[in-house]
Protein backbone atom coordinates (compact mmCIF):
# COMPACT_ATOMS: atom_id res chain seq x y z
CA UNK A 1 80.16 93.86 96.49
CA UNK A 2 83.91 93.81 96.04
CA UNK A 3 85.33 92.73 92.71
CA UNK A 4 87.97 90.00 92.72
CA UNK A 5 90.43 89.95 89.83
CA UNK A 6 93.02 87.69 88.30
CA UNK A 7 96.07 88.69 86.32
CA UNK A 8 99.53 90.07 86.93
CA UNK A 9 100.55 93.21 88.79
CA UNK A 10 100.63 95.31 85.62
CA UNK A 11 97.00 94.37 84.92
CA UNK A 12 96.06 95.24 88.51
CA UNK A 13 97.89 98.58 88.30
CA UNK A 14 96.21 99.41 84.99
CA UNK A 15 92.76 98.73 86.45
CA UNK A 16 93.57 100.72 89.60
CA UNK A 17 94.76 103.59 87.40
CA UNK A 18 91.54 103.48 85.42
CA UNK A 19 89.49 103.62 88.61
CA UNK A 20 91.57 106.49 89.95
CA UNK A 21 91.05 108.40 86.70
CA UNK A 22 87.28 107.88 87.00
CA UNK A 23 87.29 109.70 90.33
CA UNK A 24 89.82 112.45 89.54
CA UNK A 25 87.15 115.05 88.79
CA UNK A 26 85.58 114.62 92.22
CA UNK A 27 88.82 115.55 93.94
CA UNK A 28 88.92 119.13 92.64
CA UNK A 29 88.45 121.47 95.61
CA UNK A 30 85.49 123.21 93.97
CA UNK A 31 83.55 120.01 93.21
CA UNK A 32 80.50 120.15 95.52
CA UNK A 33 80.89 116.94 97.55
CA UNK A 34 79.73 116.36 101.08
CA UNK A 35 82.65 116.16 103.49
CA UNK A 36 81.88 112.52 104.34
CA UNK A 37 81.85 111.63 100.63
CA UNK A 38 85.15 113.46 100.06
CA UNK A 39 86.73 111.52 102.94
CA UNK A 40 85.36 108.22 101.60
CA UNK A 41 86.77 108.99 98.15
CA UNK A 42 90.18 109.84 99.59
CA UNK A 43 90.19 106.49 101.45
CA UNK A 44 89.00 104.62 98.33
CA UNK A 45 91.70 106.19 96.17
CA UNK A 46 94.38 105.39 98.75
CA UNK A 47 93.18 101.77 98.90
CA UNK A 48 93.57 101.56 95.11
CA UNK A 49 97.12 102.91 95.34
CA UNK A 50 97.97 100.43 98.10
CA UNK A 51 96.73 97.24 96.40
CA UNK A 52 100.24 95.93 95.73
CA UNK A 53 101.12 96.46 99.41
CA UNK A 54 97.86 95.06 100.76
CA UNK A 55 97.82 91.77 98.86
CA UNK A 56 100.66 89.28 98.50
CA UNK A 57 99.84 88.25 94.94
CA UNK A 58 97.70 89.56 92.08
CA UNK A 59 95.39 86.55 92.39
CA UNK A 60 94.41 87.69 95.90
CA UNK A 61 93.50 91.26 94.93
CA UNK A 62 89.97 92.40 95.71
CA UNK A 63 89.20 95.88 94.45
CA UNK A 64 87.39 98.16 96.88
CA UNK A 65 83.97 99.48 95.92
CA UNK A 66 83.74 103.10 94.90
CA UNK A 67 81.70 105.07 97.41
CA UNK A 68 78.44 106.68 96.35
CA UNK A 69 78.93 110.23 95.16
CA UNK A 70 77.01 112.64 97.39
CA UNK A 71 76.89 116.23 96.22
CA UNK A 72 76.24 119.11 98.57
CA UNK A 73 72.64 120.18 98.21
CA UNK A 74 72.12 123.80 97.24
């Protein structure tokens, strides 16, 4: 389910920043993610960065869902 928000662009950017920070640790090269999960996270993070280019107004913004984290099995 995607989450729809209301507010101004600064509120949207703050929430996007929070979501990016939540996934920062997974982007370290030595974090054991599956390749498909890493690619999904890269796309998710790019979608968060592009919100202000994707939607015409803050009222239209729908945040993407974070992908499930899939670690490489040892």
